[in-house]
Amino acid sequence: MVTNQIIKLNLEPRLAALKTEGKTERQIADILSKESNQKVTKSSVHRYLASHDQLCREVVEKNNKLKAKVIELELDTVQARQELIDKIRQLGEKAEQDGDLKTALYALDKAIAALDSLDKRLGRFTAQPEVQVNVQSIQVNRQFNEFMKIVLEEVDLDGRASIVSKLKQAALC
């Protein structure tokens, strides 16, 4: 196979610049002939551009296939992460149903962290203030509510009304 004159004379960058400027194949051949002091024909320019266009199409096609593969892998990763997040949520819900609030809150914390990680990966992360939940406070509140329920069940209607009224005044109920 014969090497194209454009390649032999190392005129590819100049040809690309002239083509970008919108010059015709005839104009490019004339300019390259003058600049290189070598005869560059319109046919030589045409053959180079035709082969170059084919090469560009092949590169673009390979690039598109590569992009499709990368997108497919990204989607698989996102789907796997979403399945893990769903599993963490299910475990948290089961722990909550079983009355294990500490484990339920731990699962909730892990699910939030996993969602944040997924958002970062997808480029959707926005900084949110961190929310911390005091497990002991929740347990004390639950115990207090249970205590109040027992107390209110054991007193008569007048006593119950009086206790509820005083708790409301103190903003405890």
C-alpha atoms as a PDB file:
ATOM      1  CA  MET A   1       0.000   0.000   0.000  1.00  0.00           C
ATOM      2  CA  VAL A   2       1.346   3.403  -0.969  1.00  0.00           C
ATOM      3  CA  THR A   3       1.719   5.997   1.778  1.00  0.00           C
ATOM      4  CA  ASN A   4      -0.298   9.121   1.152  1.00  0.00           C
ATOM      5  CA  GLN A   5       1.762  12.210   0.331  1.00  0.00           C
ATOM      6  CA  ILE A   6       0.091  14.138   3.164  1.00  0.00           C
ATOM      7  CA  ILE A   7       1.455  11.582   5.631  1.00  0.00           C
ATOM      8  CA  LYS A   8       4.892  11.395   3.948  1.00  0.00           C
ATOM      9  CA  LEU A   9       5.352  15.144   4.216  1.00  0.00           C
ATOM     10  CA  ASN A  10       3.863  15.276   7.745  1.00  0.00           C
ATOM     11  CA  LEU A  11       1.194  17.727   6.672  1.00  0.00           C
ATOM     12  CA  GLU A  12      -1.694  16.222   8.679  1.00  0.00           C
ATOM     13  CA  PRO A  13      -1.849  18.987  11.336  1.00  0.00           C
ATOM     14  CA  ARG A  14      -1.812  21.741   8.707  1.00  0.00           C
ATOM     15  CA  LEU A  15      -4.408  19.934   6.591  1.00  0.00           C
ATOM     16  CA  ALA A  16      -6.645  19.570   9.652  1.00  0.00           C
ATOM     17  CA  ALA A  17      -6.296  23.285  10.402  1.00  0.00           C
ATOM     18  CA  LEU A  18      -7.158  24.233   6.805  1.00  0.00           C
ATOM     19  CA  LYS A  19     -10.136  21.878   6.781  1.00  0.00           C
ATOM     20  CA  THR A  20     -11.342  23.421  10.049  1.00  0.00           C
ATOM     21  CA  GLU A  21     -11.126  26.840   8.402  1.00  0.00           C
ATOM     22  CA  GLY A  22     -13.562  25.552   5.767  1.00  0.00           C
ATOM     23  CA  LYS A  23     -11.147  25.420   2.827  1.00  0.00           C
ATOM     24  CA  THR A  24     -12.014  23.215  -0.160  1.00  0.00           C
ATOM     25  CA  GLU A  25      -9.886  20.222  -1.153  1.00  0.00           C
ATOM     26  CA  ARG A  26      -8.507  22.226  -4.118  1.00  0.00           C
ATOM     27  CA  GLN A  27      -7.576  25.189  -1.869  1.00  0.00           C
ATOM     28  CA  ILE A  28      -5.970  22.858   0.683  1.00  0.00           C
ATOM     29  CA  ALA A  29      -3.908  21.155  -2.052  1.00  0.00           C
ATOM     30  CA  ASP A  30      -2.700  24.521  -3.400  1.00  0.00           C
ATOM     31  CA  ILE A  31      -1.776  25.869   0.052  1.00  0.00           C
ATOM     32  CA  LEU A  32       0.024  22.664   1.090  1.00  0.00           C
ATOM     33  CA  SER A  33       1.933  22.598  -2.227  1.00  0.00           C
ATOM     34  CA  LYS A  34       3.163  26.159  -1.692  1.00  0.00           C
ATOM     35  CA  GLU A  35       4.063  25.649   1.968  1.00  0.00           C
ATOM     36  CA  SER A  36       5.879  22.332   1.489  1.00  0.00           C
ATOM     37  CA  ASN A  37       7.459  23.105  -1.886  1.00  0.00           C
ATOM     38  CA  GLN A  38       6.121  19.716  -2.999  1.00  0.00           C
ATOM     39  CA  LYS A  39       3.311  18.940  -5.403  1.00  0.00           C
ATOM     40  CA  VAL A  40       0.226  17.996  -3.374  1.00  0.00           C
ATOM     41  CA  THR A  41      -2.737  17.074  -5.545  1.00  0.00           C
ATOM     42  CA  LYS A  42      -6.422  17.483  -4.866  1.00  0.00           C
ATOM     43  CA  SER A  43      -6.718  13.684  -5.204  1.00  0.00           C
ATOM     44  CA  SER A  44      -4.106  13.171  -2.494  1.00  0.00           C
ATOM     45  CA  VAL A  45      -6.018  15.496  -0.167  1.00  0.00           C
ATOM     46  CA  HIS A  46      -9.280  13.732  -1.033  1.00  0.00           C
ATOM     47  CA  ARG A  47      -7.835  10.231  -0.394  1.00  0.00           C
ATOM     48  CA  TYR A  48      -6.344  11.337   2.929  1.00  0.00           C
ATOM     49  CA  LEU A  49      -9.607  12.915   4.092  1.00  0.00           C
ATOM     50  CA  ALA A  50     -11.621   9.862   2.978  1.00  0.00           C
ATOM     51  CA  SER A  51      -9.360   7.457   4.882  1.00  0.00           C
ATOM     52  CA  HIS A  52      -9.235   9.816   7.836  1.00  0.00           C
ATOM     53  CA  ASP A  53     -13.050  10.054   7.911  1.00  0.00           C
ATOM     54  CA  GLN A  54     -13.310   6.249   7.889  1.00  0.00           C
ATOM     55  CA  LEU A  55     -10.818   6.026  10.750  1.00  0.00           C
ATOM     56  CA  CYS A  56     -12.757   8.682  12.677  1.00  0.00           C
ATOM     57  CA  ARG A  57     -16.009   6.765  12.172  1.00  0.00           C
ATOM     58  CA  GLU A  58     -14.377   3.562  13.446  1.00  0.00           C
ATOM     59  CA  VAL A  59     -12.982   5.338  16.501  1.00  0.00           C
ATOM     60  CA  VAL A  60     -16.346   6.943  17.241  1.00  0.00           C
ATOM     61  CA  GLU A  61     -18.099   3.574  16.871  1.00  0.00           C
ATOM     62  CA  LYS A  62     -15.626   1.897  19.235  1.00  0.00           C
ATOM     63  CA  ASN A  63     -15.956   4.838  21.604  1.00  0.00           C
ATOM     64  CA  ASN A  64     -19.764   4.528  21.555  1.00  0.00           C
ATOM     65  CA  LYS A  65     -19.525   0.803  22.294  1.00  0.00           C
ATOM     66  CA  LEU A  66     -17.168   1.549  25.164  1.00  0.00           C
ATOM     67  CA  LYS A  67     -19.516   4.233  26.491  1.00  0.00           C
ATOM     68  CA  ALA A  68     -22.434   1.787  26.317  1.00  0.00           C
ATOM     69  CA  LYS A  69     -20.426  -0.795  28.265  1.00  0.00           C
ATOM     70  CA  VAL A  70     -19.469   1.774  30.922  1.00  0.00           C
ATOM     71  CA  ILE A  71     -23.094   2.901  31.235  1.00  0.00           C
ATOM     72  CA  GLU A  72     -24.226  -0.711  31.554  1.00  0.00           C
ATOM     73  CA  LEU A  73     -21.686  -1.334  34.333  1.00  0.00           C
ATOM     74  CA  GLU A  74     -22.750   1.879  36.098  1.00  0.00           C
ATOM     75  CA  LEU A  75     -26.388   0.812  35.970  1.00  0.00           C
ATOM     76  CA  ASP A  76     -25.484  -2.619  37.359  1.00  0.00           C
ATOM     77  CA  THR A  77     -23.590  -0.972  40.218  1.00  0.00           C
ATOM     78  CA  VAL A  78     -26.464   1.404  40.983  1.00  0.00           C
ATOM     79  CA  GLN A  79     -28.943  -1.484  40.931  1.00  0.00           C
ATOM     80  CA  ALA A  80     -26.766  -3.557  43.290  1.00  0.00           C
ATOM     81  CA  ARG A  81     -26.456  -0.613  45.686  1.00  0.00           C
ATOM     82  CA  GLN A  82     -30.206  -0.027  45.569  1.00  0.00           C
ATOM     83  CA  GLU A  83     -30.846  -3.696  46.405  1.00  0.00           C
ATOM     84  CA  LEU A  84     -28.515  -3.415  49.401  1.00  0.00           C
ATOM     85  CA  ILE A  85     -30.277  -0.264  50.583  1.00  0.00           C
ATOM     86  CA  ASP A  86     -33.645  -2.029  50.287  1.00  0.00           C
ATOM     87  CA  LYS A  87     -32.297  -4.966  52.310  1.00  0.00           C
ATOM     88  CA  ILE A  88     -31.017  -2.616  55.043  1.00  0.00           C
ATOM     89  CA  ARG A  89     -34.443  -0.958  55.168  1.00  0.00           C
ATOM     90  CA  GLN A  90     -36.186  -4.330  55.458  1.00  0.00           C
ATOM     91  CA  LEU A  91     -33.893  -5.365  58.302  1.00  0.00           C
ATOM     92  CA  GLY A  92     -34.561  -2.048  60.038  1.00  0.00           C
ATOM     93  CA  GLU A  93     -38.316  -2.469  59.679  1.00  0.00           C
ATOM     94  CA  LYS A  94     -38.122  -6.004  61.080  1.00  0.00           C
ATOM     95  CA  ALA A  95     -36.047  -4.800  64.027  1.00  0.00           C
ATOM     96  CA  GLU A  96     -38.580  -2.028  64.674  1.00  0.00           C
ATOM     97  CA  GLN A  97     -41.464  -4.510  64.552  1.00  0.00           C
ATOM     98  CA  ASP A  98     -39.590  -6.714  67.027  1.00  0.00           C
ATOM     99  CA  GLY A  99     -39.229  -3.700  69.343  1.00  0.00           C
ATOM    100  CA  ASP A 100     -35.464  -3.418  68.877  1.00  0.00           C
ATOM    101  CA  LEU A 101     -35.275   0.341  68.359  1.00  0.00           C
ATOM    102  CA  LYS A 102     -31.503   0.503  68.701  1.00  0.00           C
ATOM    103  CA  THR A 103     -30.999  -1.911  65.805  1.00  0.00           C
ATOM    104  CA  ALA A 104     -33.754  -0.200  63.792  1.00  0.00           C
ATOM    105  CA  LEU A 105     -32.043   3.185  64.198  1.00  0.00           C
ATOM    106  CA  TYR A 106     -28.678   1.640  63.332  1.00  0.00           C
ATOM    107  CA  ALA A 107     -30.188   0.203  60.132  1.00  0.00           C
ATOM    108  CA  LEU A 108     -31.753   3.581  59.340  1.00  0.00           C
ATOM    109  CA  ASP A 109     -28.373   5.274  59.811  1.00  0.00           C
ATOM    110  CA  LYS A 110     -26.711   2.743  57.484  1.00  0.00           C
ATOM    111  CA  ALA A 111     -29.457   3.153  54.870  1.00  0.00           C
ATOM    112  CA  ILE A 112     -29.010   6.942  54.931  1.00  0.00           C
ATOM    113  CA  ALA A 113     -25.238   6.551  54.562  1.00  0.00           C
ATOM    114  CA  ALA A 114     -25.735   4.156  51.641  1.00  0.00           C
ATOM    115  CA  LEU A 115     -28.158   6.568  49.954  1.00  0.00           C
ATOM    116  CA  ASP A 116     -25.696   9.436  50.414  1.00  0.00           C
ATOM    117  CA  SER A 117     -22.979   7.293  48.863  1.00  0.00           C
ATOM    118  CA  LEU A 118     -25.243   6.464  45.934  1.00  0.00           C
ATOM    119  CA  ASP A 119     -26.134  10.138  45.492  1.00  0.00           C
ATOM    120  CA  LYS A 120     -22.435  11.051  45.444  1.00  0.00           C
ATOM    121  CA  ARG A 121     -21.771   8.377  42.838  1.00  0.00           C
ATOM    122  CA  LEU A 122     -24.607   9.706  40.693  1.00  0.00           C
ATOM    123  CA  GLY A 123     -23.465  13.303  41.179  1.00  0.00           C
ATOM    124  CA  ARG A 124     -26.646  14.268  42.986  1.00  0.00           C
ATOM    125  CA  PHE A 125     -25.139  14.801  46.414  1.00  0.00           C
ATOM    126  CA  THR A 126     -26.053  17.957  48.235  1.00  0.00           C
ATOM    127  CA  ALA A 127     -24.613  18.536  51.661  1.00  0.00           C
ATOM    128  CA  GLN A 128     -27.284  18.030  54.287  1.00  0.00           C
ATOM    129  CA  PRO A 129     -26.919  18.778  57.967  1.00  0.00           C
ATOM    130  CA  GLU A 130     -26.220  15.643  59.915  1.00  0.00           C
ATOM    131  CA  VAL A 131     -29.090  14.473  62.106  1.00  0.00           C
ATOM    132  CA  GLN A 132     -28.223  12.468  65.182  1.00  0.00           C
ATOM    133  CA  VAL A 133     -30.786  10.559  67.192  1.00  0.00           C
ATOM    134  CA  ASN A 134     -30.181   9.849  70.832  1.00  0.00           C
ATOM    135  CA  VAL A 135     -31.259   6.244  71.398  1.00  0.00           C
ATOM    136  CA  GLN A 136     -31.384   6.660  75.184  1.00  0.00           C
ATOM    137  CA  SER A 137     -33.745   9.624  74.861  1.00  0.00           C
ATOM    138  CA  ILE A 138     -36.125   7.570  72.725  1.00  0.00           C
ATOM    139  CA  GLN A 139     -36.043   4.719  75.233  1.00  0.00           C
ATOM    140  CA  VAL A 140     -36.691   7.079  78.175  1.00  0.00           C
ATOM    141  CA  ASN A 141     -39.609   8.686  76.318  1.00  0.00           C
ATOM    142  CA  ARG A 142     -41.062   5.279  75.564  1.00  0.00           C
ATOM    143  CA  GLN A 143     -40.695   4.204  79.204  1.00  0.00           C
ATOM    144  CA  PHE A 144     -42.262   7.468  80.400  1.00  0.00           C
ATOM    145  CA  ASN A 145     -45.221   7.002  78.057  1.00  0.00           C
ATOM    146  CA  GLU A 146     -45.716   3.438  79.294  1.00  0.00           C
ATOM    147  CA  PHE A 147     -45.519   4.658  82.916  1.00  0.00           C
ATOM    148  CA  MET A 148     -48.097   7.382  82.247  1.00  0.00           C
ATOM    149  CA  LYS A 149     -50.409   4.889  80.579  1.00  0.00           C
ATOM    150  CA  ILE A 150     -50.290   2.645  83.656  1.00  0.00           C
ATOM    151  CA  VAL A 151     -50.833   5.577  86.046  1.00  0.00           C
ATOM    152  CA  LEU A 152     -53.781   6.896  84.046  1.00  0.00           C
ATOM    153  CA  GLU A 153     -55.380   3.447  83.912  1.00  0.00           C
ATOM    154  CA  GLU A 154     -55.201   3.070  87.710  1.00  0.00           C
ATOM    155  CA  VAL A 155     -56.776   6.363  88.765  1.00  0.00           C
ATOM    156  CA  ASP A 156     -60.426   7.369  88.645  1.00  0.00           C
ATOM    157  CA  LEU A 157     -61.812   9.755  86.023  1.00  0.00           C
ATOM    158  CA  ASP A 158     -61.407  12.880  88.171  1.00  0.00           C
ATOM    159  CA  GLY A 159     -57.815  11.966  89.056  1.00  0.00           C
ATOM    160  CA  ARG A 160     -57.040  11.165  85.415  1.00  0.00           C
ATOM    161  CA  ALA A 161     -58.434  14.512  84.234  1.00  0.00           C
ATOM    162  CA  SER A 162     -56.425  16.332  86.902  1.00  0.00           C
ATOM    163  CA  ILE A 163     -53.167  14.533  85.953  1.00  0.00           C
ATOM    164  CA  VAL A 164     -53.684  15.109  82.228  1.00  0.00           C
ATOM    165  CA  SER A 165     -54.469  18.786  82.850  1.00  0.00           C
ATOM    166  CA  LYS A 166     -51.307  19.290  84.930  1.00  0.00           C
ATOM    167  CA  LEU A 167     -49.164  17.418  82.357  1.00  0.00           C
ATOM    168  CA  LYS A 168     -50.530  19.592  79.569  1.00  0.00           C
ATOM    169  CA  GLN A 169     -49.738  22.703  81.575  1.00  0.00           C
ATOM    170  CA  ALA A 170     -46.200  21.413  82.039  1.00  0.00           C
ATOM    171  CA  ALA A 171     -46.121  20.439  78.322  1.00  0.00           C
ATOM    172  CA  LEU A 172     -45.246  16.838  79.137  1.00  0.00           C
ATOM    173  CA  CYS A 173     -48.218  15.204  77.475  1.00  0.00           C
END
